[in-house]
Amino acid sequence: MRPNSAKRKLLAGESVNCGWLSIPSSYSAEIMARQGFDCVNVDLQHAMTGFETAVTMLQAIATTDAIPLARVGSHDPAPMMKLLDAGAYGIICPMISTAEEAEGFVDACRYPPIGSRSYGPARGVLYGGADYVSCANDEILTIAMIETGQGVENVDAIAAVDQLDALFIGPNDMCMDLGKAPKAESDDPDVVAAIEAVLQAGNRAGKPVGIFCSSADAALGRRSAGFRFLVPGSDANSLTGIAREAVAKLS
C-alpha cells in the first residue's frame, strides 16, 4: 500500500503542514497540493463541497506527493467510510467531546477485527494499491477535533482512545463554546488555558496535537509552542488576502 507519509512523520515526532481546501474545485485542489504541503484536506463541513466534487479534488491531490485528507461534517460513520473508499488517507472528525465519540469515530475508520468499517474500497485501492485492505488500518490517519469545553474536560480520556492518531483544535468553535468571540489566535485567558490543556493532554498520551491558524506566521508560533499538525489558513483565506492587498494597492 502507498505509505501515508504524513502519518509517518507525525509518528516520528516531526511536524506536518496541511493545506486546507474550502473552494470546491479540483483545479484549486491541484494548485494547493503542488505547493509542498505534507497533506491537503478537503473540507466537507464548512466549505461548499459535496461528495462528488470531493472525489475530483481527491483525484487532483493524488497527482502529487501530498497526502489527501477529508474533514467530515458530523459523527455519522457513513460519510467517513465513503470518503475513505474514495481515496482519502485520513479523516478529521469535528466536535469530539467524549471518549465514546472518539471511539465511534475510529471504529468507523478501521476494518474488522479492530473496527467496523464496511468493505468497499473502490478508489482507495486505485490510489493505495492492491494490498489496501490488509494495510489500511495502519496507514489511515484518524484526527479528532477538540473544540468544546466538554471536549477539554474529557481530553485525557479522548487522547487515550486506542487507534486515535492525533488531536486537532478548532479555535473558533472553542472560543464560541467558551462564550468568547471567535478568533483563531485568541488571547483570552480561558481560551489560552483550554488550548494549552489539549496540547498537554496530547503530550501525556504521546499523540500529536494540531491547530487551525490564520497565517503561516501564526503557524510558526504554534509550532514553537509544540503543535505538530499545522494548518496555515485555507485556499479561500489566501485568495481573499491576495485580492484585498491588490485592490488596496490599486485604490
Protein backbone atom coordinates (compact mmCIF):
# COMPACT_ATOMS: atom_id res chain seq x y z
CA MET A 1 0.00 0.00 0.00
CA ARG A 2 1.16 3.52 -0.75
CA PRO A 3 2.63 4.78 2.55
CA ASN A 4 0.94 7.61 4.45
CA SER A 5 3.97 9.88 4.69
CA ALA A 6 2.11 12.47 6.80
CA LYS A 7 1.18 9.87 9.41
CA ARG A 8 4.71 8.51 9.46
CA LYS A 9 6.13 11.98 10.05
CA LEU A 10 3.76 12.52 12.96
CA LEU A 11 4.63 9.14 14.47
CA ALA A 12 8.31 10.05 14.16
CA GLY A 13 7.77 13.24 16.18
CA GLU A 14 8.02 15.59 13.22
CA SER A 15 5.65 18.41 12.33
CA VAL A 16 3.28 18.28 9.38
CA ASN A 17 1.98 21.18 7.29
CA CYS A 18 -1.56 20.71 5.99
CA GLY A 19 -3.20 22.66 3.17
CA TRP A 20 -6.90 23.35 3.63
CA LEU A 21 -9.40 23.33 0.76
CA SER A 22 -12.53 25.44 1.19
CA ILE A 23 -13.07 26.08 -2.51
CA PRO A 24 -14.98 23.22 -4.22
CA SER A 25 -12.68 22.84 -7.20
CA SER A 26 -10.30 20.14 -8.42
CA TYR A 27 -8.19 22.89 -10.01
CA SER A 28 -7.79 24.68 -6.68
CA ALA A 29 -7.02 21.33 -5.05
CA GLU A 30 -4.33 20.59 -7.62
CA ILE A 31 -2.74 24.01 -7.17
CA MET A 32 -2.66 23.72 -3.38
CA ALA A 33 -1.34 20.14 -3.46
CA ARG A 34 1.59 21.20 -5.66
CA GLN A 35 2.88 23.82 -3.21
CA GLY A 36 4.76 21.41 -0.96
CA PHE A 37 2.25 20.66 1.82
CA ASP A 38 2.69 17.30 3.54
CA CYS A 39 -1.06 16.73 3.26
CA VAL A 40 -4.09 18.56 1.90
CA ASN A 41 -7.53 18.40 3.49
CA VAL A 42 -10.84 18.56 1.62
CA ASP A 43 -13.31 20.28 3.95
CA LEU A 44 -16.84 18.91 3.75
CA GLN A 45 -18.01 20.52 6.99
CA HIS A 46 -17.99 24.26 6.38
CA ALA A 47 -16.91 24.51 2.73
CA MET A 48 -19.36 24.45 -0.17
CA THR A 49 -18.16 20.98 -1.19
CA GLY A 50 -20.29 17.89 -1.79
CA PHE A 51 -19.16 14.29 -2.15
CA GLU A 52 -18.97 14.15 -5.95
CA THR A 53 -16.81 17.28 -6.10
CA ALA A 54 -14.71 15.99 -3.21
CA VAL A 55 -13.87 12.90 -5.27
CA THR A 56 -12.48 15.03 -8.09
CA MET A 57 -10.45 17.01 -5.55
CA LEU A 58 -9.02 13.81 -4.06
CA GLN A 59 -8.12 12.71 -7.60
CA ALA A 60 -6.31 16.01 -8.19
CA ILE A 61 -4.37 15.70 -4.94
CA ALA A 62 -3.42 12.15 -5.93
CA THR A 63 -1.34 13.51 -8.83
CA THR A 64 1.07 14.97 -6.24
CA ASP A 65 3.08 13.78 -3.24
CA ALA A 66 0.65 15.40 -0.78
CA ILE A 67 -1.46 13.01 1.31
CA PRO A 68 -5.23 13.51 0.78
CA LEU A 69 -7.37 14.01 3.89
CA ALA A 70 -11.03 14.91 4.37
CA ARG A 71 -12.95 16.61 7.15
CA VAL A 72 -16.46 15.28 7.59
CA GLY A 73 -19.40 17.29 8.86
CA SER A 74 -20.55 15.10 11.76
CA HIS A 75 -20.02 11.87 13.69
CA ASP A 76 -22.06 9.90 11.16
CA PRO A 77 -19.84 6.93 10.17
CA ALA A 78 -21.29 6.54 6.65
CA PRO A 79 -19.63 9.66 5.11
CA MET A 80 -16.34 8.74 6.79
CA MET A 81 -16.36 5.29 5.21
CA LYS A 82 -17.42 6.67 1.84
CA LEU A 83 -14.61 9.24 1.77
CA LEU A 84 -12.08 6.59 2.75
CA ASP A 85 -13.44 4.39 -0.05
CA ALA A 86 -12.98 7.41 -2.35
CA GLY A 87 -9.27 7.60 -1.54
CA ALA A 88 -8.95 9.88 1.48
CA TYR A 89 -5.98 8.70 3.55
CA GLY A 90 -7.29 10.22 6.74
CA ILE A 91 -10.40 11.66 8.33
CA ILE A 92 -10.71 14.76 10.51
CA CYS A 93 -13.83 14.49 12.67
CA PRO A 94 -15.31 17.64 14.26
CA MET A 95 -16.82 18.20 17.70
CA ILE A 96 -15.38 15.22 19.56
CA SER A 97 -16.27 15.89 23.19
CA THR A 98 -16.19 12.45 24.83
CA ALA A 99 -14.12 9.28 24.67
CA GLU A 100 -17.21 7.43 23.44
CA GLU A 101 -17.50 9.77 20.46
CA ALA A 102 -13.80 9.29 19.71
CA GLU A 103 -14.21 5.51 19.91
CA GLY A 104 -17.13 5.63 17.46
CA PHE A 105 -15.08 7.78 15.10
CA VAL A 106 -12.04 5.49 14.97
CA ASP A 107 -14.27 2.41 14.80
CA ALA A 108 -15.72 3.72 11.53
CA CYS A 109 -12.22 4.20 10.09
CA ARG A 110 -10.79 0.75 10.87
CA TYR A 111 -11.60 -2.56 9.24
CA PRO A 112 -12.50 -5.60 11.39
CA PRO A 113 -11.41 -7.05 13.69
CA ILE A 114 -10.43 -3.73 15.33
CA GLY A 115 -13.21 -1.62 13.79
CA SER A 116 -16.43 -1.85 11.84
CA ARG A 117 -15.53 -0.13 8.57
CA SER A 118 -17.51 -1.75 5.77
CA TYR A 119 -15.71 -3.34 2.84
CA GLY A 120 -15.82 -1.49 -0.50
CA PRO A 121 -12.59 0.46 -1.00
CA ALA A 122 -13.34 1.37 -4.66
CA ARG A 123 -10.96 4.27 -5.37
CA GLY A 124 -8.98 3.52 -2.21
CA VAL A 125 -7.47 0.51 -3.99
CA LEU A 126 -6.71 2.59 -7.10
CA TYR A 127 -4.83 5.16 -5.03
CA GLY A 128 -3.42 2.93 -2.29
CA GLY A 129 -2.64 -0.28 -4.13
CA ALA A 130 -3.83 -3.88 -4.37
CA ASP A 131 -2.97 -4.62 -0.72
CA TYR A 132 -5.03 -1.65 0.50
CA VAL A 133 -7.46 -3.64 2.67
CA SER A 134 -4.76 -5.55 4.56
CA CYS A 135 -2.74 -2.38 5.27
CA ALA A 136 -5.35 0.38 5.60
CA ASN A 137 -5.73 0.10 9.38
CA ASP A 138 -2.06 1.02 9.76
CA GLU A 139 -1.96 3.79 7.17
CA ILE A 140 -5.26 5.69 7.58
CA LEU A 141 -4.92 8.76 9.80
CA THR A 142 -7.62 9.50 12.41
CA ILE A 143 -7.75 13.05 13.79
CA ALA A 144 -10.29 14.15 16.41
CA MET A 145 -11.21 17.82 16.67
CA ILE A 146 -11.41 19.16 20.22
CA GLU A 147 -13.45 22.36 20.09
CA THR A 148 -15.78 22.41 23.10
CA GLY A 149 -15.42 22.95 26.82
CA GLN A 150 -16.68 19.42 27.35
CA GLY A 151 -14.01 18.14 25.00
CA VAL A 152 -11.36 19.91 27.06
CA GLU A 153 -12.75 18.39 30.26
CA ASN A 154 -12.57 14.92 28.71
CA VAL A 155 -9.42 15.42 26.68
CA ASP A 156 -7.26 12.93 28.59
CA ALA A 157 -9.83 10.18 28.08
CA ILE A 158 -10.18 11.13 24.41
CA ALA A 159 -6.43 11.14 23.87
CA ALA A 160 -6.19 7.69 25.43
CA VAL A 161 -8.54 6.11 22.87
CA ASP A 162 -6.80 3.32 21.02
CA GLN A 163 -6.41 3.85 17.25
CA LEU A 164 -6.90 7.63 17.56
CA ASP A 165 -3.80 9.13 15.96
CA ALA A 166 -3.99 12.85 16.73
CA LEU A 167 -5.94 15.71 18.30
CA PHE A 168 -6.79 18.87 16.40
CA ILE A 169 -8.07 22.11 17.91
CA GLY A 170 -10.78 24.15 16.23
CA PRO A 171 -10.01 27.51 17.87
CA ASN A 172 -13.04 29.43 16.60
CA ASP A 173 -15.57 26.91 17.87
CA MET A 174 -13.57 26.60 21.07
CA CYS A 175 -13.91 30.34 21.60
CA MET A 176 -17.63 30.31 20.95
CA ASP A 177 -18.29 27.32 23.20
CA LEU A 178 -16.49 29.16 25.99
CA GLY A 179 -18.64 32.26 25.41
CA LYS A 180 -15.95 34.25 23.61
CA ALA A 181 -15.77 35.90 20.20
CA PRO A 182 -14.38 33.51 17.55
CA LYS A 183 -10.73 34.18 16.82
CA ALA A 184 -8.05 31.79 15.56
CA GLU A 185 -5.34 33.27 17.79
CA SER A 186 -7.37 34.44 20.75
CA ASP A 187 -5.52 35.87 23.76
CA ASP A 188 -8.49 35.37 26.08
CA PRO A 189 -7.17 33.62 29.21
CA ASP A 190 -9.90 30.97 29.19
CA VAL A 191 -9.25 30.09 25.55
CA VAL A 192 -5.48 30.09 26.04
CA ALA A 193 -5.87 27.75 29.02
CA ALA A 194 -8.18 25.40 27.11
CA ILE A 195 -5.79 25.18 24.15
CA GLU A 196 -2.85 24.51 26.46
CA ALA A 197 -4.83 21.79 28.24
CA VAL A 198 -5.38 19.97 24.94
CA LEU A 199 -1.71 20.31 24.00
CA GLN A 200 -0.56 18.91 27.33
CA ALA A 201 -3.05 16.03 27.16
CA GLY A 202 -1.68 15.08 23.76
CA ASN A 203 1.85 15.22 25.14
CA ARG A 204 0.91 12.97 28.05
CA ALA A 205 -0.68 10.44 25.69
CA GLY A 206 2.19 10.65 23.22
CA LYS A 207 -0.11 11.87 20.46
CA PRO A 208 0.48 14.89 18.21
CA VAL A 209 -1.77 17.92 18.53
CA GLY A 210 -2.71 20.23 15.68
CA ILE A 211 -4.48 23.55 15.35
CA PHE A 212 -6.00 25.72 12.64
CA CYS A 213 -4.10 29.00 12.25
CA SER A 214 -4.86 32.27 10.49
CA SER A 215 -1.49 32.53 8.74
CA ALA A 216 1.93 30.96 8.27
CA ASP A 217 3.40 33.30 10.88
CA ALA A 218 0.77 32.17 13.39
CA ALA A 219 1.52 28.55 12.49
CA LEU A 220 5.22 29.12 13.17
CA GLY A 221 4.33 30.37 16.64
CA ARG A 222 2.15 27.35 17.29
CA ARG A 223 4.89 25.02 16.10
CA SER A 224 7.33 26.64 18.52
CA ALA A 225 4.79 26.01 21.29
CA GLY A 226 4.71 22.30 20.49
CA PHE A 227 1.91 21.83 17.96
CA ARG A 228 2.81 19.38 15.20
CA PHE A 229 -0.15 19.34 12.80
CA LEU A 230 -0.34 22.85 11.40
CA VAL A 231 -2.90 24.43 9.08
CA PRO A 232 -1.79 27.92 7.97
CA GLY A 233 -5.22 29.09 6.77
CA SER A 234 -7.15 27.90 3.72
CA ASP A 235 -7.20 28.40 -0.03
CA ALA A 236 -10.11 30.81 0.42
CA ASN A 237 -8.18 32.76 3.09
CA SER A 238 -5.18 33.03 0.79
CA LEU A 239 -7.27 34.19 -2.17
CA THR A 240 -9.06 36.76 -0.03
CA GLY A 241 -5.83 38.17 1.36
CA ILE A 242 -4.10 38.45 -2.00
CA ALA A 243 -7.13 40.05 -3.65
CA ARG A 244 -7.61 42.54 -0.80
CA GLU A 245 -3.93 43.50 -0.94
CA ALA A 246 -4.08 44.02 -4.71
CA VAL A 247 -7.19 46.21 -4.51
CA ALA A 248 -5.68 48.25 -1.69
CA LYS A 249 -2.53 48.93 -3.69
CA LEU A 250 -4.51 49.96 -6.75
CA SER A 251 -7.00 52.16 -4.91
